[in-house]
Protein backbone atom coordinates (compact mmCIF):
# COMPACT_ATOMS: atom_id res chain seq x y z
CA MET A 1 0.00 0.00 0.00
CA ILE A 2 1.16 3.53 -0.89
CA SER A 3 -0.13 6.89 0.30
CA SER A 4 1.15 10.18 -1.12
CA ALA A 5 0.09 13.71 -2.00
CA ASP A 6 -0.35 12.95 -5.71
CA ALA A 7 -2.25 10.08 -7.33
CA LEU A 8 0.25 9.83 -10.19
CA ALA A 9 3.09 9.32 -7.72
CA THR A 10 1.07 6.83 -5.69
CA GLN A 11 0.41 4.84 -8.86
CA ALA A 12 4.16 4.77 -9.57
CA GLY A 13 4.74 3.11 -6.21
CA VAL A 14 1.83 0.69 -6.64
CA ALA A 15 3.23 -0.40 -10.00
CA ILE A 16 6.50 -1.30 -8.31
CA LEU A 17 4.74 -3.36 -5.63
CA GLN A 18 2.83 -5.18 -8.37
CA LYS A 19 6.13 -5.87 -10.09
CA GLY A 20 7.45 -7.61 -6.94
CA GLY A 21 9.36 -4.72 -5.39
CA ASN A 22 9.34 -4.05 -1.67
CA ALA A 23 8.26 -0.97 0.29
CA ALA A 24 11.67 0.69 -0.14
CA ASP A 25 11.50 0.23 -3.91
CA ALA A 26 7.98 1.63 -3.96
CA ALA A 27 8.92 4.63 -1.80
CA ILE A 28 11.79 5.54 -4.15
CA ALA A 29 9.52 5.23 -7.19
CA THR A 30 6.85 7.37 -5.53
CA SER A 31 9.38 10.00 -4.46
CA ALA A 32 10.93 10.13 -7.94
CA ALA A 33 7.51 10.64 -9.50
CA MET A 34 6.71 13.37 -6.96
CA SER A 35 9.93 15.15 -7.96
CA VAL A 36 8.50 15.42 -11.48
CA VAL A 37 4.84 16.30 -10.86
CA ALA A 38 5.16 18.39 -7.68
CA PRO A 39 8.08 20.86 -7.95
CA HIS A 40 6.08 23.19 -5.68
CA LEU A 41 6.58 20.67 -2.87
CA CYS A 42 9.73 18.65 -3.41
CA GLY A 43 12.30 17.35 -5.85
CA MET A 44 15.87 16.37 -6.55
CA GLY A 45 16.95 19.85 -5.46
CA GLY A 46 15.67 19.21 -1.92
CA ASP A 47 16.46 17.11 1.15
CA LEU A 48 15.06 13.82 2.44
CA PHE A 49 14.57 11.89 5.69
CA ALA A 50 13.14 8.39 6.09
CA LEU A 51 12.34 5.72 8.66
CA ILE A 52 12.34 2.07 7.66
CA HIS A 53 10.89 -0.85 9.59
CA LEU A 54 12.01 -4.34 8.70
CA LYS A 55 11.83 -7.53 10.76
CA GLY A 56 11.43 -5.75 14.08
CA GLU A 57 14.20 -3.19 13.51
CA VAL A 58 13.83 0.53 12.77
CA TYR A 59 16.38 2.36 10.64
CA SER A 60 16.76 6.13 10.21
CA LEU A 61 18.04 7.79 7.04
CA ASN A 62 19.41 11.34 7.11
CA ALA A 63 19.76 12.82 3.63
CA ALA A 64 20.05 16.46 4.66
CA GLY A 65 22.53 18.52 2.68
CA ARG A 66 25.39 20.62 4.02
CA ALA A 67 26.29 24.26 3.53
CA GLY A 68 28.72 24.97 0.73
CA SER A 69 32.39 25.63 1.41
CA GLY A 70 32.04 29.18 0.10
CA VAL A 71 29.37 30.49 2.50
CA ASN A 72 30.32 33.74 4.22
CA PRO A 73 28.13 34.58 7.24
CA GLU A 74 30.29 37.59 8.14
CA ALA A 75 29.66 39.17 4.74
CA LEU A 76 25.93 38.66 5.21
CA ARG A 77 26.04 40.30 8.63
CA GLN A 78 28.03 43.23 7.25
CA SER A 79 25.43 43.69 4.54
CA GLY A 80 22.85 44.30 7.26
CA LEU A 81 21.09 40.94 7.19
CA THR A 82 19.93 39.38 10.46
CA SER A 83 18.56 36.16 8.98
CA ILE A 84 19.13 33.99 5.92
CA PRO A 85 17.18 35.32 2.91
CA MET A 86 14.47 32.87 1.85
CA ILE A 87 14.32 33.75 -1.85
CA GLY A 88 16.94 34.22 -4.53
CA ASN A 89 20.03 33.80 -2.37
CA PHE A 90 22.45 30.86 -2.53
CA ASN A 91 23.19 31.09 1.18
CA SER A 92 19.79 29.48 1.76
CA VAL A 93 20.74 26.53 -0.47
CA THR A 94 22.59 23.54 0.91
CA VAL A 95 23.87 20.64 -1.20
CA PRO A 96 20.65 18.80 -2.21
CA GLY A 97 20.44 15.49 -0.35
CA CYS A 98 17.43 13.86 -2.02
CA VAL A 99 19.29 11.82 -4.63
CA ALA A 100 21.89 10.68 -2.09
CA GLY A 101 18.96 9.54 0.05
CA TRP A 102 17.37 7.57 -2.81
CA LEU A 103 20.68 5.87 -3.53
CA ALA A 104 21.37 5.02 0.12
CA LEU A 105 17.86 3.60 0.57
CA HIS A 106 18.21 1.58 -2.62
CA GLU A 107 21.67 0.28 -1.76
CA ARG A 108 20.58 -1.00 1.65
CA PHE A 109 17.02 -2.16 1.06
CA GLY A 110 16.17 -2.04 -2.65
CA THR A 111 15.48 -5.16 -4.67
CA LEU A 112 14.70 -3.86 -8.18
CA ALA A 113 17.00 -1.90 -10.50
CA LEU A 114 16.89 1.89 -10.41
CA VAL A 115 15.87 1.98 -14.06
CA ASP A 116 12.70 0.12 -13.06
CA LEU A 117 12.06 2.37 -10.07
CA PHE A 118 12.43 5.54 -12.16
CA ALA A 119 10.46 4.27 -15.16
CA THR A 120 7.17 6.00 -14.32
CA ALA A 121 8.89 9.23 -13.28
CA ILE A 122 10.86 9.28 -16.54
CA ASP A 123 7.71 8.65 -18.56
CA LEU A 124 5.86 11.47 -16.78
CA ALA A 125 8.77 13.87 -17.33
CA GLU A 126 9.29 12.92 -20.97
CA ASN A 127 5.75 12.40 -22.24
CA GLY A 128 3.96 14.77 -19.92
CA PHE A 129 1.54 14.86 -17.01
CA ALA A 130 -1.58 16.86 -16.22
CA ALA A 131 -0.87 19.95 -14.14
CA SER A 132 -2.51 19.67 -10.71
CA PRO A 133 -4.58 22.47 -9.12
CA LEU A 134 -1.89 23.05 -6.49
CA LEU A 135 0.90 23.28 -9.06
CA VAL A 136 -1.04 25.79 -11.17
CA GLY A 137 -2.02 27.82 -8.12
CA SER A 138 1.51 27.80 -6.70
CA LEU A 139 2.97 29.02 -10.00
CA LYS A 140 0.49 31.89 -10.11
CA ARG A 141 1.60 32.97 -6.63
CA LEU A 142 5.31 33.01 -7.48
CA ASP A 143 7.20 36.13 -6.49
CA GLU A 144 7.66 38.27 -9.61
CA SER A 145 11.42 38.42 -9.00
CA ILE A 146 11.84 34.68 -9.54
CA LYS A 147 9.10 33.95 -12.11
CA PRO A 148 11.58 34.03 -15.03
CA ASN A 149 13.47 31.13 -13.41
CA PHE A 150 10.40 28.93 -13.82
CA ALA A 151 9.66 29.72 -17.47
CA GLU A 152 9.59 26.01 -18.39
CA LEU A 153 6.76 25.41 -15.94
CA THR A 154 4.81 28.65 -16.29
CA ALA A 155 4.70 28.29 -20.08
CA GLN A 156 3.07 24.87 -19.79
CA ALA A 157 1.06 24.74 -16.54
CA THR A 158 -1.27 27.55 -17.60
CA GLU A 159 -4.41 25.80 -16.37
CA VAL A 160 -5.42 22.72 -14.43
CA GLY A 161 -5.02 19.65 -16.62
CA ALA A 162 -2.57 21.26 -19.05
CA THR A 163 0.19 18.91 -20.20
CA VAL A 164 3.59 19.57 -18.63
CA LYS A 165 6.83 18.00 -19.87
CA ARG A 166 10.19 18.18 -18.07
CA PRO A 167 12.84 16.72 -20.40
CA GLY A 168 15.74 17.80 -18.19
CA LEU A 169 14.42 15.74 -15.31
CA ALA A 170 13.91 12.71 -17.57
CA ARG A 171 17.50 13.01 -18.73
CA THR A 172 18.78 13.37 -15.17
CA LEU A 173 16.82 10.39 -13.86
CA ARG A 174 18.11 8.20 -16.71
CA ALA A 175 21.67 9.24 -15.90
CA ILE A 176 21.24 8.45 -12.19
CA ALA A 177 19.73 5.05 -13.03
CA THR A 178 22.79 4.27 -15.15
CA SER A 179 25.65 5.91 -13.28
CA GLY A 180 24.36 6.56 -9.77
CA HIS A 181 25.85 9.19 -7.47
CA LYS A 182 28.42 10.48 -9.96
CA ALA A 183 25.76 11.21 -12.59
CA PHE A 184 24.00 13.69 -10.32
CA TYR A 185 26.69 15.11 -8.06
CA GLU A 186 29.42 15.35 -10.70
CA GLY A 187 27.35 15.54 -13.88
CA GLU A 188 25.22 18.07 -15.76
CA PHE A 189 23.29 19.29 -12.74
CA ALA A 190 26.40 19.64 -10.59
CA SER A 191 28.25 21.67 -13.23
CA GLY A 192 25.32 24.03 -13.61
CA LEU A 193 24.88 24.40 -9.85
CA ILE A 194 28.54 25.20 -9.24
CA LYS A 195 28.57 27.80 -12.02
CA MET A 196 25.46 29.63 -10.87
CA SER A 197 26.43 29.57 -7.17
CA ASN A 198 29.31 32.02 -7.70
CA GLY A 199 31.69 30.24 -5.34
CA VAL A 200 29.24 29.01 -2.69
CA PHE A 201 29.66 25.40 -3.90
CA SER A 202 32.79 23.60 -5.04
CA ARG A 203 33.06 20.35 -6.97
CA ASP A 204 34.20 18.63 -3.78
CA ASP A 205 31.12 19.89 -1.92
CA LEU A 206 28.90 18.00 -4.35
CA ALA A 207 31.13 14.98 -4.99
CA ASN A 208 31.31 14.31 -1.24
CA ALA A 209 27.55 14.54 -0.68
CA LYS A 210 26.20 11.49 1.12
CA ALA A 211 23.32 10.29 3.24
CA THR A 212 23.91 8.68 6.62
CA TRP A 213 22.19 6.00 8.66
CA ASP A 214 21.62 7.38 12.14
CA LYS A 215 20.17 5.93 15.32
CA PRO A 216 16.46 6.82 15.39
CA LEU A 217 14.78 8.54 18.32
CA SER A 218 11.93 6.81 20.13
CA ILE A 219 9.65 7.06 23.12
CA SER A 220 7.04 4.79 24.64
CA ALA A 221 3.51 6.18 24.85
CA TYR A 222 -0.04 4.87 24.77
CA GLY A 223 1.08 1.26 24.71
CA HIS A 224 3.28 1.65 21.64
CA GLN A 225 6.80 2.67 20.65
CA ILE A 226 6.86 5.81 18.54
CA TRP A 227 9.84 6.65 16.34
CA SER A 228 11.28 9.61 14.46
CA THR A 229 14.55 10.83 13.02
CA ALA A 230 17.37 12.35 15.07
CA ALA A 231 19.04 15.78 14.70
CA PRO A 232 18.90 17.91 12.66
CA SER A 233 15.26 16.77 12.35
CA GLN A 234 12.67 18.25 14.72
CA GLY A 235 11.04 14.85 15.26
CA TYR A 236 11.99 15.04 18.94
CA LEU A 237 9.23 17.63 19.42
CA PHE A 238 6.27 15.38 18.69
CA LEU A 239 7.91 12.51 20.58
CA ALA A 240 8.38 14.65 23.68
CA ALA A 241 4.88 16.13 23.39
CA LEU A 242 3.36 12.64 23.10
CA ALA A 243 5.20 11.43 26.21
CA LEU A 244 4.19 14.59 28.06
CA SER A 245 0.56 14.32 26.96
CA GLU A 246 0.34 10.88 28.56
CA LYS A 247 0.87 12.61 31.92
CA LEU A 248 -2.12 14.90 31.27
CA ASP A 249 -5.80 14.09 31.65
CA LEU A 250 -6.75 14.15 27.98
CA PRO A 251 -10.50 13.90 27.28
CA ASP A 252 -11.79 10.78 25.57
CA ASP A 253 -13.48 12.97 22.96
CA PRO A 254 -11.02 14.86 20.69
CA ASP A 255 -13.80 17.33 19.86
CA ASP A 256 -13.55 18.59 23.44
CA SER A 257 -11.67 21.92 23.49
CA GLN A 258 -9.71 20.63 26.50
CA TRP A 259 -8.16 18.04 24.18
CA ALA A 260 -6.88 20.76 21.87
CA HIS A 261 -5.83 22.98 24.80
CA LEU A 262 -3.72 20.31 26.49
CA LEU A 263 -1.99 19.28 23.27
CA ILE A 264 -1.29 22.94 22.45
CA GLU A 265 0.19 23.39 25.91
CA ALA A 266 2.30 20.24 25.52
CA SER A 267 3.63 21.50 22.17
CA LEU A 268 4.50 24.88 23.65
CA ALA A 269 6.16 23.32 26.70
CA VAL A 270 8.52 21.13 24.67
CA GLY A 271 9.05 23.48 21.73
CA HIS A 272 9.46 27.02 23.05
CA ASP A 273 13.26 26.68 23.27
CA ARG A 274 13.78 24.86 19.97
CA PRO A 275 16.18 27.53 18.60
CA ASP A 276 18.52 26.82 21.52
CA VAL A 277 18.15 23.05 21.35
CA LEU A 278 17.99 21.91 17.72
CA HIS A 279 21.17 21.75 15.66
CA ASP A 280 23.00 19.09 13.70
CA ARG A 281 25.25 18.10 16.62
CA ALA A 282 22.50 17.95 19.26
CA ASP A 283 22.09 14.79 21.34
CA LEU A 284 18.31 14.86 21.31
CA ALA A 285 17.98 11.41 22.88
CA ALA A 286 19.65 12.79 25.99
CA ILE A 287 17.18 15.63 26.43
CA LEU A 288 13.97 13.75 25.58
CA PRO A 289 13.38 12.64 29.21
CA GLU A 290 13.61 16.21 30.49
CA LEU A 291 11.24 17.49 27.80
CA ALA A 292 8.74 14.72 28.51
CA ASN A 293 8.67 15.82 32.17
CA ARG A 294 7.76 19.44 31.45
CA ASP A 295 4.20 18.95 32.64
CA TYR A 296 5.00 21.61 35.27
CA LEU A 297 4.94 24.12 32.40
CA VAL A 298 1.42 23.14 31.38
CA ASP A 299 -1.48 25.20 32.62
CA THR A 300 -4.43 22.81 32.42
CA LYS A 301 -7.02 25.62 32.41
CA PHE A 302 -5.55 28.65 30.67
CA ALA A 303 -2.97 29.52 28.03
CA SER A 304 0.42 29.54 29.69
CA GLN A 305 2.60 32.61 29.40
CA ARG A 306 6.24 32.33 28.45
CA GLN A 307 8.75 34.38 26.50
CA HIS A 308 9.45 33.45 22.93
CA PRO A 309 12.94 34.56 21.68
CA GLY A 310 3.79 30.40 9.28
CA ALA A 311 3.69 31.35 4.25
CA ASP A 312 3.26 27.70 4.70
CA GLY A 313 6.07 25.20 4.55
CA ASP A 314 6.01 23.10 1.40
CA THR A 315 7.17 19.55 1.60
CA THR A 316 5.75 16.20 0.68
CA TYR A 317 5.33 13.12 2.83
CA MET A 318 4.67 9.58 1.59
CA CYS A 319 4.52 6.16 3.15
CA ALA A 320 4.62 2.58 1.93
CA VAL A 321 3.98 -0.85 3.43
CA ASP A 322 4.45 -4.09 1.51
CA LYS A 323 2.96 -7.57 1.88
CA ASN A 324 5.74 -8.53 4.30
CA SER A 325 4.99 -5.55 6.57
CA MET A 326 8.15 -3.68 5.63
CA GLY A 327 7.29 -0.04 6.21
CA VAL A 328 8.83 3.18 4.89
CA SER A 329 8.03 6.64 6.22
CA LEU A 330 9.67 9.19 3.89
CA ILE A 331 9.63 12.95 3.57
CA ASN A 332 11.22 15.10 0.85
CA SER A 333 11.17 18.87 0.84
CA ASN A 334 11.99 22.14 -0.90
CA ALA A 335 11.45 23.84 2.49
CA SER A 336 9.32 26.78 1.31
CA GLY A 337 7.13 26.36 -1.80
CA PHE A 338 9.42 26.30 -4.80
CA GLY A 339 12.31 26.64 -2.37
CA SER A 340 14.91 29.33 -2.98
CA GLY A 341 13.38 30.26 -6.33
CA LEU A 342 16.68 29.33 -7.97
CA VAL A 343 16.64 26.80 -10.81
CA GLU A 344 19.45 24.93 -12.53
CA GLN A 345 18.24 25.68 -16.03
CA GLN A 346 19.79 22.79 -18.00
CA THR A 347 17.99 20.17 -15.95
CA GLY A 348 15.08 22.30 -14.73
CA ILE A 349 15.74 21.27 -11.11
CA ASN A 350 14.68 23.93 -8.60
CA LEU A 351 16.73 24.31 -5.44
CA HIS A 352 15.44 24.19 -1.90
CA ASN A 353 16.07 26.82 0.77
CA ARG A 354 16.68 24.60 3.79
CA GLY A 355 19.56 26.87 4.73
CA LEU A 356 16.99 29.30 6.10
CA GLY A 357 17.19 27.21 9.29
CA PHE A 358 20.72 28.51 9.93
CA SER A 359 21.32 31.46 12.24
CA LEU A 360 23.38 34.56 11.43
CA VAL A 361 24.03 35.23 15.12
CA LYS A 362 27.78 34.93 15.62
CA GLY A 363 28.65 31.95 17.80
CA HIS A 364 25.12 30.46 17.73
CA GLN A 365 25.15 26.66 17.73
CA SER A 366 23.27 26.78 14.37
CA GLU A 367 25.32 29.57 12.82
CA LEU A 368 25.72 29.30 9.05
CA THR A 369 28.97 27.39 8.67
CA ALA A 370 30.54 25.51 5.76
CA GLY A 371 29.85 21.80 5.97
CA ARG A 372 27.10 22.06 8.62
CA GLN A 373 23.51 20.85 8.28
CA PRO A 374 20.79 23.37 9.18
CA PRO A 375 18.00 22.57 11.65
CA HIS A 376 15.20 20.83 9.77
CA THR A 377 11.42 20.90 10.15
CA LEU A 378 11.13 17.46 8.52
CA CYS A 379 10.03 14.70 10.90
CA PRO A 380 8.62 11.41 9.58
CA ALA A 381 6.92 9.11 12.08
CA LEU A 382 6.66 5.36 12.57
CA ILE A 383 4.85 3.32 15.25
CA THR A 384 5.56 -0.21 16.42
CA ARG A 385 3.73 -2.50 18.82
CA LYS A 386 5.24 -3.75 22.07
CA ASP A 387 6.41 -6.90 20.26
CA GLY A 388 8.29 -4.82 17.66
CA THR A 389 5.89 -5.41 14.79
CA LEU A 390 4.91 -2.52 12.55
CA PHE A 391 1.71 -0.68 13.50
CA SER A 392 1.80 2.48 11.40
CA VAL A 393 3.80 4.80 9.14
CA LEU A 394 2.58 8.37 8.99
CA GLY A 395 3.63 11.97 8.57
CA THR A 396 2.88 15.31 6.97
CA MET A 397 4.21 18.48 5.42
CA GLY A 398 3.74 21.81 7.18
CA GLY A 399 6.94 23.64 8.12
CA ASP A 400 7.21 24.29 11.86
CA ALA A 401 3.73 22.82 12.33
CA GLN A 402 4.73 19.28 11.35
CA PRO A 403 5.27 18.03 14.94
CA GLN A 404 1.94 19.48 16.06
CA ILE A 405 0.07 17.81 13.20
CA VAL A 406 1.77 14.46 13.81
CA LEU A 407 1.02 14.82 17.53
CA GLN A 408 -2.69 15.17 16.75
CA LEU A 409 -2.68 12.26 14.29
CA ILE A 410 -0.95 9.86 16.69
CA THR A 411 -3.04 10.94 19.68
CA ARG A 412 -6.24 10.31 17.73
CA LEU A 413 -4.87 6.97 16.57
CA LEU A 414 -3.58 5.65 19.92
CA ARG A 415 -5.22 7.60 22.75
CA ASN A 416 -8.65 8.32 21.31
CA LYS A 417 -9.34 4.90 19.87
CA SER A 418 -13.06 5.10 20.45
CA ALA A 419 -13.24 8.23 18.33
CA ALA A 420 -10.65 7.14 15.76
CA ARG A 421 -12.11 5.03 13.01
CA THR A 422 -10.00 4.85 9.87
CA PRO A 423 -6.68 6.45 8.92
CA ALA A 424 -8.57 8.46 6.29
CA GLU A 425 -10.85 9.95 8.96
CA ILE A 426 -7.88 10.67 11.20
CA VAL A 427 -5.84 12.53 8.57
CA ASN A 428 -8.86 14.52 7.42
CA ALA A 429 -10.12 15.61 10.86
CA GLY A 430 -9.94 19.36 11.57
CA ARG A 431 -6.65 20.53 13.11
CA TRP A 432 -4.99 23.34 15.00
CA VAL A 433 -1.43 24.52 14.36
CA LEU A 434 0.94 27.00 15.96
CA ARG A 435 1.89 29.72 13.51
CA GLY A 436 4.41 32.53 13.69
CA PRO A 437 3.67 36.03 12.39
CA THR A 438 5.31 35.88 8.96
CA THR A 439 6.28 32.48 7.62
CA GLY A 440 5.80 28.81 8.37
CA PHE A 441 9.31 28.77 9.81
CA ASP A 442 9.22 31.48 12.49
CA THR A 443 7.00 29.87 15.13
CA TRP A 444 9.82 29.70 17.66
CA THR A 445 12.02 32.60 16.52
CA ALA A 446 9.50 35.45 16.45
CA SER A 447 9.39 37.92 19.33
CA GLU A 448 5.71 37.19 19.94
CA SER A 449 3.89 34.04 20.98
CA PRO A 450 2.48 31.99 18.13
CA THR A 451 -1.11 32.23 17.01
CA ILE A 452 -3.31 29.15 17.27
CA GLN A 453 -4.74 28.68 13.78
CA ILE A 454 -7.85 26.50 13.67
CA GLU A 455 -9.15 24.82 10.56
CA GLY A 456 -12.66 25.64 9.37
CA HIS A 457 -14.02 22.13 9.85
CA ALA A 458 -12.53 21.66 13.33
CA PRO A 459 -15.10 21.46 16.18
CA ASN A 460 -17.02 24.75 16.45
CA ASN A 461 -16.30 25.09 20.17
CA TRP A 462 -12.52 25.20 19.68
CA ILE A 463 -12.49 28.82 18.53
CA THR A 464 -14.57 30.32 21.32
CA GLU A 465 -13.40 28.11 24.16
CA LEU A 466 -9.69 28.32 23.34
CA ALA A 467 -9.99 32.09 23.07
CA ALA A 468 -11.73 32.12 26.46
CA ARG A 469 -8.74 30.23 27.87
CA GLY A 470 -6.44 33.06 26.75
CA HIS A 471 -5.14 31.65 23.47
CA LYS A 472 -4.68 33.95 20.51
CA VAL A 473 -6.79 32.15 17.89
CA GLU A 474 -7.46 32.58 14.20
CA GLN A 475 -9.95 30.57 12.16
CA ARG A 476 -8.93 29.42 8.67
CA ALA A 477 -10.70 27.71 5.78
CA LYS A 478 -11.84 24.10 5.70
CA PHE A 479 -9.19 21.64 4.49
CA ASP A 480 -6.61 24.43 4.30
CA SER A 481 -3.32 23.32 2.70
CA GLY A 482 -1.48 25.26 5.41
CA PHE A 483 -2.52 22.54 7.85
CA GLY A 484 -0.37 19.95 6.09
CA HIS A 485 -0.84 17.10 3.66
CA ALA A 486 -0.80 14.02 5.86
CA ASN A 487 -0.65 10.37 4.84
CA ALA A 488 -0.96 7.28 7.01
CA ILE A 489 -0.99 3.50 6.72
CA VAL A 490 -1.97 1.21 9.61
CA VAL A 491 -1.21 -2.51 9.84
CA LEU A 492 -4.11 -4.22 11.62
CA ASP A 493 -3.63 -7.20 13.92
CA ASP A 494 -4.51 -9.59 11.08
CA ALA A 495 -1.92 -7.89 8.79
CA THR A 496 -4.62 -6.12 6.76
CA LEU A 497 -3.46 -2.71 5.55
CA VAL A 498 -5.69 0.36 5.85
CA GLY A 499 -4.57 3.81 4.85
CA GLY A 500 -5.62 7.36 4.23
CA ALA A 501 -4.52 10.30 2.10
CA ASP A 502 -5.18 13.95 2.86
CA LYS A 503 -7.95 15.84 1.04
CA ARG A 504 -5.93 19.02 1.57
CA SER A 505 -3.51 17.98 -1.18
CA VAL A 506 -6.49 17.78 -3.62
CA VAL A 507 -4.85 15.06 -5.76
CA GLY A 508 -3.49 12.81 -2.99
CA SER A 509 -4.37 9.13 -2.93
CA CYS A 510 -3.86 5.92 -0.99
CA GLN A 511 -3.82 2.73 -3.03
CA GLY A 512 -3.09 -0.90 -2.26
CA ALA A 513 -1.24 -3.60 -4.10
């Protein structure tokens, strides 16, 4: 079974399962197809994290890129900047890790040849695909300063359903399938990237790009073991909030405003100091116990008050489970929308802006530094039973809000079992998210406390009753894309697979094989 934010990508993964591939094969095929049809969310110019469950073991893949050897934080400070520019600046671009992640996942767990895994993606890029509503809408909202960089897309995706071809991506995928790492990180794309970066990237920066297998983070809560990726991922936030929430008296009914209030408070308690905690060298496993015991910071009746030192984040999450209960929870991201707005024109690959997670404060543990990985919002999730068997793979896009969304999904799934019916109902239930004043990435760095945004189809009492408790609330539209595109697959006790895709992505789907 595959669940993703685009039906065409889901079908690519299903085809691989039908061909005899495993969940890792299917996840790579789905991700490759997403890189073609959803450049507003993800692609080969972005980063990737994944969790894999196989035979009772959980593995964590870190395919986050590193800052180029030519970055100069001092020059940026002298120019008057206090933060990394989001758009049109190479200092927000780190070496794209997505392809290294595909290759590492394939090398360790893949069973079919890359040419087979990329076949659908290549066909979509070469022969064309129908432009989705989100792609067309995202292109129309592009900043005028970067629109010329996306001429290939804007000339084709003029309306929903228009045929879009991306020959540069087809050529790149074929090269990777034939020659692997070297084809991407030392080939056509690499040469173009180095040239346009004006010294930010060297050939060695790209040639040495690699993904790593790290020890995953986990906590025990609600009778299950819940897993996420380690630093520089922010997965520790939903893990800590889950463990903390178990100490609170959550209502049985998630429509109760007290349910939302307590989970909001848990998220604030564990997350308010994220800028001081999260960096690529952080030992998050060591601090999880302390975070999980921050129930003393939770006001069970009113919004707590504490000092705080999102445009929506655009990412795509997908999950896969095969007939042998191998599970893959994978997330690939441009960071913000089309990322940096910079495009390598020969291949048509747009570049992410994950470097916006770096700090320009001199001496900060996340200061922009050559070779460092920036703090990441990406945080895939995976759940196992007490006996180590796979229970669920799930996750979402959503910038800073990802941990809060995952927290709500898992709580509905494990704590509120009487109210939780199917994964589809869980991922499509109304949500709340914490949002900073400007972007989907300033929840914890803004000088003011975050706003509680509430989706239009969330319980009616949330707005009034959370406001009465002292929360700053804002109601948004029903099935608002800013509340994430979640996907989930659950393995029932009899090994039956049930899944759900998010209506917020418009073209998302969950399909079995």
